[in-house]
Amino acid sequence: MRKAAEPLERRKRTRSDSYQLLPAVRELYSRLPETYLLEPWELQHVLFSLGYTDGLADETEIAAAVEVARGDYPQWGRVA
């Protein structure tokens, strides 16, 4: 039998796993380069569906991880 507080515990666990977003996005970009063009709200679903996160991560945290991950690959960076 599940407790009523389980969703809150799950949300806390998801927030504590937010530090894993940058490595997850980097790995996702290296394994599936076509995901590079996805928006943060689309990556939210992809990361959850492929098991990179335990729950749906916050879009702003994903956007920050995407910004850093895209800066790691100069050939994928912004066009000047």
PDB file of N, CA and C in Angstrom:
ATOM      1  N   MET A   1       0.839  -1.181   0.000  1.00  0.00           N
ATOM      2  CA  MET A   1       0.000   0.000   0.000  1.00  0.00           C
ATOM      3  C   MET A   1       0.882   1.243   0.000  1.00  0.00           C
ATOM      4  N   ARG A   2       0.587   2.193  -0.868  1.00  0.00           N
ATOM      5  CA  ARG A   2       1.383   3.405  -0.985  1.00  0.00           C
ATOM      6  C   ARG A   2       0.869   4.482  -0.056  1.00  0.00           C
ATOM      7  N   LYS A   3       1.798   5.277   0.403  1.00  0.00           N
ATOM      8  CA  LYS A   3       1.436   6.391   1.282  1.00  0.00           C
ATOM      9  C   LYS A   3       1.034   7.600   0.448  1.00  0.00           C
ATOM     10  N   ALA A   4       0.262   8.475   1.034  1.00  0.00           N
ATOM     11  CA  ALA A   4      -0.169   9.681   0.335  1.00  0.00           C
ATOM     12  C   ALA A   4       0.997  10.644   0.106  1.00  0.00           C
ATOM     13  N   ALA A   5       2.039  10.540   0.923  1.00  0.00           N
ATOM     14  CA  ALA A   5       3.177  11.459   0.810  1.00  0.00           C
ATOM     15  C   ALA A   5       4.174  11.032  -0.270  1.00  0.00           C
ATOM     16  N   GLU A   6       3.954   9.925  -0.916  1.00  0.00           N
ATOM     17  CA  GLU A   6       4.907   9.435  -1.916  1.00  0.00           C
ATOM     18  C   GLU A   6       5.159  10.416  -3.053  1.00  0.00           C
ATOM     19  N   PRO A   7       4.152  11.085  -3.601  1.00  0.00           N
ATOM     20  CA  PRO A   7       4.443  12.042  -4.672  1.00  0.00           C
ATOM     21  C   PRO A   7       5.397  13.149  -4.225  1.00  0.00           C
ATOM     22  N   LEU A   8       5.270  13.618  -2.981  1.00  0.00           N
ATOM     23  CA  LEU A   8       6.172  14.635  -2.467  1.00  0.00           C
ATOM     24  C   LEU A   8       7.587  14.080  -2.381  1.00  0.00           C
ATOM     25  N   GLU A   9       7.733  12.856  -1.899  1.00  0.00           N
ATOM     26  CA  GLU A   9       9.046  12.226  -1.825  1.00  0.00           C
ATOM     27  C   GLU A   9       9.632  12.055  -3.221  1.00  0.00           C
ATOM     28  N   ARG A  10       8.815  11.694  -4.172  1.00  0.00           N
ATOM     29  CA  ARG A  10       9.288  11.532  -5.542  1.00  0.00           C
ATOM     30  C   ARG A  10       9.746  12.872  -6.103  1.00  0.00           C
ATOM     31  N   ARG A  11       8.995  13.962  -5.807  1.00  0.00           N
ATOM     32  CA  ARG A  11       9.399  15.283  -6.275  1.00  0.00           C
ATOM     33  C   ARG A  11      10.732  15.696  -5.660  1.00  0.00           C
ATOM     34  N   LYS A  12      10.932  15.407  -4.382  1.00  0.00           N
ATOM     35  CA  LYS A  12      12.200  15.733  -3.733  1.00  0.00           C
ATOM     36  C   LYS A  12      13.335  14.963  -4.385  1.00  0.00           C
ATOM     37  N   ARG A  13      13.118  13.704  -4.685  1.00  0.00           N
ATOM     38  CA  ARG A  13      14.155  12.886  -5.310  1.00  0.00           C
ATOM     39  C   ARG A  13      14.480  13.428  -6.703  1.00  0.00           C
ATOM     40  N   THR A  14      13.479  13.858  -7.442  1.00  0.00           N
ATOM     41  CA  THR A  14      13.699  14.411  -8.774  1.00  0.00           C
ATOM     42  C   THR A  14      14.504  15.698  -8.677  1.00  0.00           C
ATOM     43  N   ARG A  15      14.190  16.533  -7.727  1.00  0.00           N
ATOM     44  CA  ARG A  15      14.949  17.770  -7.566  1.00  0.00           C
ATOM     45  C   ARG A  15      16.387  17.472  -7.165  1.00  0.00           C
ATOM     46  N   SER A  16      16.602  16.485  -6.323  1.00  0.00           N
ATOM     47  CA  SER A  16      17.969  16.161  -5.918  1.00  0.00           C
ATOM     48  C   SER A  16      18.743  15.539  -7.069  1.00  0.00           C
ATOM     49  N   ASP A  17      18.060  14.985  -8.058  1.00  0.00           N
ATOM     50  CA  ASP A  17      18.720  14.411  -9.217  1.00  0.00           C
ATOM     51  C   ASP A  17      18.986  15.441 -10.307  1.00  0.00           C
ATOM     52  N   SER A  18      18.643  16.696 -10.063  1.00  0.00           N
ATOM     53  CA  SER A  18      18.818  17.721 -11.090  1.00  0.00           C
ATOM     54  C   SER A  18      20.287  17.950 -11.418  1.00  0.00           C
ATOM     55  N   TYR A  19      21.183  17.621 -10.506  1.00  0.00           N
ATOM     56  CA  TYR A  19      22.607  17.763 -10.792  1.00  0.00           C
ATOM     57  C   TYR A  19      23.055  16.781 -11.870  1.00  0.00           C
ATOM     58  N   GLN A  20      22.253  15.781 -12.154  1.00  0.00           N
ATOM     59  CA  GLN A  20      22.587  14.795 -13.173  1.00  0.00           C
ATOM     60  C   GLN A  20      22.109  15.198 -14.563  1.00  0.00           C
ATOM     61  N   LEU A  21      21.463  16.331 -14.676  1.00  0.00           N
ATOM     62  CA  LEU A  21      20.932  16.750 -15.976  1.00  0.00           C
ATOM     63  C   LEU A  21      22.025  17.047 -16.992  1.00  0.00           C
ATOM     64  N   LEU A  22      23.072  17.739 -16.594  1.00  0.00           N
ATOM     65  CA  LEU A  22      24.126  18.083 -17.545  1.00  0.00           C
ATOM     66  C   LEU A  22      24.786  16.825 -18.117  1.00  0.00           C
ATOM     67  N   PRO A  23      25.222  15.865 -17.289  1.00  0.00           N
ATOM     68  CA  PRO A  23      25.777  14.648 -17.879  1.00  0.00           C
ATOM     69  C   PRO A  23      24.762  13.883 -18.733  1.00  0.00           C
ATOM     70  N   ALA A  24      23.497  13.927 -18.336  1.00  0.00           N
ATOM     71  CA  ALA A  24      22.468  13.236 -19.115  1.00  0.00           C
ATOM     72  C   ALA A  24      22.276  13.881 -20.476  1.00  0.00           C
ATOM     73  N   VAL A  25      22.257  15.215 -20.510  1.00  0.00           N
ATOM     74  CA  VAL A  25      22.088  15.919 -21.785  1.00  0.00           C
ATOM     75  C   VAL A  25      23.305  15.685 -22.676  1.00  0.00           C
ATOM     76  N   ARG A  26      24.488  15.727 -22.089  1.00  0.00           N
ATOM     77  CA  ARG A  26      25.707  15.464 -22.870  1.00  0.00           C
ATOM     78  C   ARG A  26      25.676  14.066 -23.487  1.00  0.00           C
ATOM     79  N   GLU A  27      25.291  13.088 -22.681  1.00  0.00           N
ATOM     80  CA  GLU A  27      25.228  11.715 -23.191  1.00  0.00           C
ATOM     81  C   GLU A  27      24.149  11.576 -24.259  1.00  0.00           C
ATOM     82  N   LEU A  28      23.015  12.209 -24.038  1.00  0.00           N
ATOM     83  CA  LEU A  28      21.930  12.159 -25.013  1.00  0.00           C
ATOM     84  C   LEU A  28      22.377  12.768 -26.344  1.00  0.00           C
ATOM     85  N   TYR A  29      23.070  13.893 -26.300  1.00  0.00           N
ATOM     86  CA  TYR A  29      23.563  14.519 -27.523  1.00  0.00           C
ATOM     87  C   TYR A  29      24.585  13.643 -28.234  1.00  0.00           C
ATOM     88  N   SER A  30      25.419  12.935 -27.477  1.00  0.00           N
ATOM     89  CA  SER A  30      26.429  12.102 -28.130  1.00  0.00           C
ATOM     90  C   SER A  30      25.819  10.828 -28.708  1.00  0.00           C
ATOM     91  N   ARG A  31      24.815  10.272 -28.037  1.00  0.00           N
ATOM     92  CA  ARG A  31      24.185   9.035 -28.529  1.00  0.00           C
ATOM     93  C   ARG A  31      23.145   9.289 -29.607  1.00  0.00           C
ATOM     94  N   LEU A  32      22.396  10.367 -29.446  1.00  0.00           N
ATOM     95  CA  LEU A  32      21.316  10.695 -30.382  1.00  0.00           C
ATOM     96  C   LEU A  32      21.465  12.152 -30.822  1.00  0.00           C
ATOM     97  N   PRO A  33      22.346  12.432 -31.772  1.00  0.00           N
ATOM     98  CA  PRO A  33      22.586  13.825 -32.180  1.00  0.00           C
ATOM     99  C   PRO A  33      21.334  14.547 -32.673  1.00  0.00           C
ATOM    100  N   GLU A  34      20.355  13.813 -33.138  1.00  0.00           N
ATOM    101  CA  GLU A  34      19.128  14.469 -33.612  1.00  0.00           C
ATOM    102  C   GLU A  34      18.369  15.163 -32.485  1.00  0.00           C
ATOM    103  N   THR A  35      18.649  14.824 -31.236  1.00  0.00           N
ATOM    104  CA  THR A  35      17.982  15.472 -30.103  1.00  0.00           C
ATOM    105  C   THR A  35      18.548  16.863 -29.827  1.00  0.00           C
ATOM    106  N   TYR A  36      19.653  17.208 -30.484  1.00  0.00           N
ATOM    107  CA  TYR A  36      20.286  18.512 -30.274  1.00  0.00           C
ATOM    108  C   TYR A  36      19.338  19.660 -30.607  1.00  0.00           C
ATOM    109  N   LEU A  37      18.456  19.465 -31.539  1.00  0.00           N
ATOM    110  CA  LEU A  37      17.554  20.532 -31.970  1.00  0.00           C
ATOM    111  C   LEU A  37      16.268  20.623 -31.154  1.00  0.00           C
ATOM    112  N   LEU A  38      16.088  19.730 -30.193  1.00  0.00           N
ATOM    113  CA  LEU A  38      14.866  19.743 -29.393  1.00  0.00           C
ATOM    114  C   LEU A  38      14.875  20.892 -28.387  1.00  0.00           C
ATOM    115  N   GLU A  39      13.697  21.398 -28.102  1.00  0.00           N
ATOM    116  CA  GLU A  39      13.510  22.430 -27.097  1.00  0.00           C
ATOM    117  C   GLU A  39      13.512  21.784 -25.705  1.00  0.00           C
ATOM    118  N   PRO A  40      13.778  22.576 -24.643  1.00  0.00           N
ATOM    119  CA  PRO A  40      13.790  22.006 -23.287  1.00  0.00           C
ATOM    120  C   PRO A  40      12.511  21.265 -22.908  1.00  0.00           C
ATOM    121  N   TRP A  41      11.355  21.762 -23.340  1.00  0.00           N
ATOM    122  CA  TRP A  41      10.111  21.073 -22.983  1.00  0.00           C
ATOM    123  C   TRP A  41      10.013  19.718 -23.690  1.00  0.00           C
ATOM    124  N   GLU A  42      10.636  19.586 -24.856  1.00  0.00           N
ATOM    125  CA  GLU A  42      10.661  18.298 -25.543  1.00  0.00           C
ATOM    126  C   GLU A  42      11.697  17.368 -24.913  1.00  0.00           C
ATOM    127  N   LEU A  43      12.827  17.935 -24.509  1.00  0.00           N
ATOM    128  CA  LEU A  43      13.853  17.129 -23.841  1.00  0.00           C
ATOM    129  C   LEU A  43      13.363  16.592 -22.505  1.00  0.00           C
ATOM    130  N   GLN A  44      12.477  17.325 -21.859  1.00  0.00           N
ATOM    131  CA  GLN A  44      11.899  16.890 -20.590  1.00  0.00           C
ATOM    132  C   GLN A  44      11.288  15.505 -20.743  1.00  0.00           C
ATOM    133  N   HIS A  45      10.529  15.320 -21.785  1.00  0.00           N
ATOM    134  CA  HIS A  45       9.884  14.035 -22.047  1.00  0.00           C
ATOM    135  C   HIS A  45      10.905  12.982 -22.477  1.00  0.00           C
ATOM    136  N   VAL A  46      11.836  13.345 -23.345  1.00  0.00           N
ATOM    137  CA  VAL A  46      12.835  12.400 -23.851  1.00  0.00           C
ATOM    138  C   VAL A  46      13.706  11.880 -22.705  1.00  0.00           C
ATOM    139  N   LEU A  47      14.186  12.782 -21.851  1.00  0.00           N
ATOM    140  CA  LEU A  47      15.031  12.371 -20.727  1.00  0.00           C
ATOM    141  C   LEU A  47      14.289  11.421 -19.793  1.00  0.00           C
ATOM    142  N   PHE A  48      13.017  11.711 -19.538  1.00  0.00           N
ATOM    143  CA  PHE A  48      12.218  10.838 -18.676  1.00  0.00           C
ATOM    144  C   PHE A  48      11.933   9.504 -19.356  1.00  0.00           C
ATOM    145  N   SER A  49      11.561   9.533 -20.609  1.00  0.00           N
ATOM    146  CA  SER A  49      11.192   8.310 -21.324  1.00  0.00           C
ATOM    147  C   SER A  49      12.373   7.357 -21.493  1.00  0.00           C
ATOM    148  N   LEU A  50      13.559   7.899 -21.684  1.00  0.00           N
ATOM    149  CA  LEU A  50      14.735   7.054 -21.865  1.00  0.00           C
ATOM    150  C   LEU A  50      15.402   6.672 -20.546  1.00  0.00           C
ATOM    151  N   GLY A  51      14.829   7.117 -19.437  1.00  0.00           N
ATOM    152  CA  GLY A  51      15.325   6.716 -18.124  1.00  0.00           C
ATOM    153  C   GLY A  51      16.488   7.529 -17.600  1.00  0.00           C
ATOM    154  N   TYR A  52      16.751   8.694 -18.176  1.00  0.00           N
ATOM    155  CA  TYR A  52      17.829   9.544 -17.680  1.00  0.00           C
ATOM    156  C   TYR A  52      17.439  10.245 -16.384  1.00  0.00           C
ATOM    157  N   THR A  53      16.146  10.475 -16.182  1.00  0.00           N
ATOM    158  CA  THR A  53      15.656  11.095 -14.953  1.00  0.00           C
ATOM    159  C   THR A  53      14.537  10.239 -14.375  1.00  0.00           C
ATOM    160  N   ASP A  54      14.345  10.355 -13.050  1.00  0.00           N
ATOM    161  CA  ASP A  54      13.300   9.596 -12.377  1.00  0.00           C
ATOM    162  C   ASP A  54      11.925  10.227 -12.553  1.00  0.00           C
ATOM    163  N   GLY A  55      11.907  11.500 -12.831  1.00  0.00           N
ATOM    164  CA  GLY A  55      10.647  12.212 -13.027  1.00  0.00           C
ATOM    165  C   GLY A  55      10.857  13.310 -14.054  1.00  0.00           C
ATOM    166  N   LEU A  56       9.829  14.088 -14.275  1.00  0.00           N
ATOM    167  CA  LEU A  56       9.946  15.183 -15.236  1.00  0.00           C
ATOM    168  C   LEU A  56      10.723  16.320 -14.594  1.00  0.00           C
ATOM    169  N   ALA A  57      11.888  16.593 -15.126  1.00  0.00           N
ATOM    170  CA  ALA A  57      12.744  17.652 -14.600  1.00  0.00           C
ATOM    171  C   ALA A  57      12.181  19.017 -14.990  1.00  0.00           C
ATOM    172  N   ASP A  58      12.558  20.030 -14.238  1.00  0.00           N
ATOM    173  CA  ASP A  58      12.107  21.383 -14.498  1.00  0.00           C
ATOM    174  C   ASP A  58      12.693  21.895 -15.812  1.00  0.00           C
ATOM    175  N   GLU A  59      11.884  22.554 -16.607  1.00  0.00           N
ATOM    176  CA  GLU A  59      12.334  23.049 -17.921  1.00  0.00           C
ATOM    177  C   GLU A  59      13.477  24.049 -17.800  1.00  0.00           C
ATOM    178  N   THR A  60      13.466  24.886 -16.764  1.00  0.00           N
ATOM    179  CA  THR A  60      14.539  25.868 -16.618  1.00  0.00           C
ATOM    180  C   THR A  60      15.866  25.182 -16.305  1.00  0.00           C
ATOM    181  N   GLU A  61      15.835  24.104 -15.531  1.00  0.00           N
ATOM    182  CA  GLU A  61      17.055  23.354 -15.245  1.00  0.00           C
ATOM    183  C   GLU A  61      17.563  22.657 -16.501  1.00  0.00           C
ATOM    184  N   ILE A  62      16.650  22.151 -17.303  1.00  0.00           N
ATOM    185  CA  ILE A  62      17.040  21.512 -18.564  1.00  0.00           C
ATOM    186  C   ILE A  62      17.630  22.558 -19.499  1.00  0.00           C
ATOM    187  N   ALA A  63      17.008  23.736 -19.557  1.00  0.00           N
ATOM    188  CA  ALA A  63      17.508  24.806 -20.428  1.00  0.00           C
ATOM    189  C   ALA A  63      18.924  25.215 -20.027  1.00  0.00           C
ATOM    190  N   ALA A  64      19.195  25.279 -18.726  1.00  0.00           N
ATOM    191  CA  ALA A  64      20.542  25.621 -18.258  1.00  0.00           C
ATOM    192  C   ALA A  64      21.540  24.532 -18.642  1.00  0.00           C
ATOM    193  N   ALA A  65      21.159  23.282 -18.500  1.00  0.00           N
ATOM    194  CA  ALA A  65      22.038  22.170 -18.873  1.00  0.00           C
ATOM    195  C   ALA A  65      22.288  22.159 -20.371  1.00  0.00           C
ATOM    196  N   VAL A  66      21.264  22.473 -21.155  1.00  0.00           N
ATOM    197  CA  VAL A  66      21.404  22.533 -22.612  1.00  0.00           C
ATOM    198  C   VAL A  66      22.379  23.642 -23.003  1.00  0.00           C
ATOM    199  N   GLU A  67      22.259  24.786 -22.358  1.00  0.00           N
ATOM    200  CA  GLU A  67      23.144  25.913 -22.649  1.00  0.00           C
ATOM    201  C   GLU A  67      24.607  25.539 -22.414  1.00  0.00           C
ATOM    202  N   VAL A  68      24.875  24.867 -21.309  1.00  0.00           N
ATOM    203  CA  VAL A  68      26.245  24.457 -21.005  1.00  0.00           C
ATOM    204  C   VAL A  68      26.694  23.359 -21.962  1.00  0.00           C
ATOM    205  N   ALA A  69      25.829  22.383 -22.212  1.00  0.00           N
ATOM    206  CA  ALA A  69      26.193  21.269 -23.088  1.00  0.00           C
ATOM    207  C   ALA A  69      26.474  21.749 -24.507  1.00  0.00           C
ATOM    208  N   ARG A  70      25.711  22.686 -24.985  1.00  0.00           N
ATOM    209  CA  ARG A  70      25.941  23.208 -26.340  1.00  0.00           C
ATOM    210  C   ARG A  70      27.232  24.014 -26.399  1.00  0.00           C
ATOM    211  N   GLY A  71      27.615  24.625 -25.302  1.00  0.00           N
ATOM    212  CA  GLY A  71      28.879  25.353 -25.256  1.00  0.00           C
ATOM    213  C   GLY A  71      30.080  24.427 -25.248  1.00  0.00           C
ATOM    214  N   ASP A  72      29.874  23.155 -24.879  1.00  0.00           N
ATOM    215  CA  ASP A  72      30.953  22.178 -24.825  1.00  0.00           C
ATOM    216  C   ASP A  72      31.397  21.749 -26.217  1.00  0.00           C
ATOM    217  N   TYR A  73      30.528  21.909 -27.190  1.00  0.00           N
ATOM    218  CA  TYR A  73      30.823  21.464 -28.549  1.00  0.00           C
ATOM    219  C   TYR A  73      30.859  22.684 -29.457  1.00  0.00           C
ATOM    220  N   PRO A  74      32.047  23.239 -29.706  1.00  0.00           N
ATOM    221  CA  PRO A  74      32.121  24.461 -30.526  1.00  0.00           C
ATOM    222  C   PRO A  74      31.479  24.307 -31.905  1.00  0.00           C
ATOM    223  N   GLN A  75      31.563  23.131 -32.504  1.00  0.00           N
ATOM    224  CA  GLN A  75      30.972  22.940 -33.822  1.00  0.00           C
ATOM    225  C   GLN A  75      29.444  22.970 -33.751  1.00  0.00           C
ATOM    226  N   TRP A  76      28.871  22.819 -32.553  1.00  0.00           N
ATOM    227  CA  TRP A  76      27.420  22.854 -32.394  1.00  0.00           C
ATOM    228  C   TRP A  76      26.955  24.182 -31.828  1.00  0.00           C
ATOM    229  N   GLY A  77      27.879  25.077 -31.553  1.00  0.00           N
ATOM    230  CA  GLY A  77      27.550  26.331 -30.900  1.00  0.00           C
ATOM    231  C   GLY A  77      26.738  27.261 -31.779  1.00  0.00           C
ATOM    232  N   ARG A  78      26.510  28.435 -31.247  1.00  0.00           N
ATOM    233  CA  ARG A  78      25.735  29.439 -31.962  1.00  0.00           C
ATOM    234  C   ARG A  78      26.519  29.946 -33.163  1.00  0.00           C
ATOM    235  N   VAL A  79      25.800  30.298 -34.200  1.00  0.00           N
ATOM    236  CA  VAL A  79      26.420  30.868 -35.384  1.00  0.00           C
ATOM    237  C   VAL A  79      26.605  32.358 -35.140  1.00  0.00           C
ATOM    238  N   ALA A  80      27.809  32.857 -35.339  1.00  0.00           N
ATOM    239  CA  ALA A  80      28.098  34.278 -35.064  1.00  0.00           C
ATOM    240  C   ALA A  80      27.758  35.145 -36.249  1.00  0.00           C
TER     241      ALA A  80
END
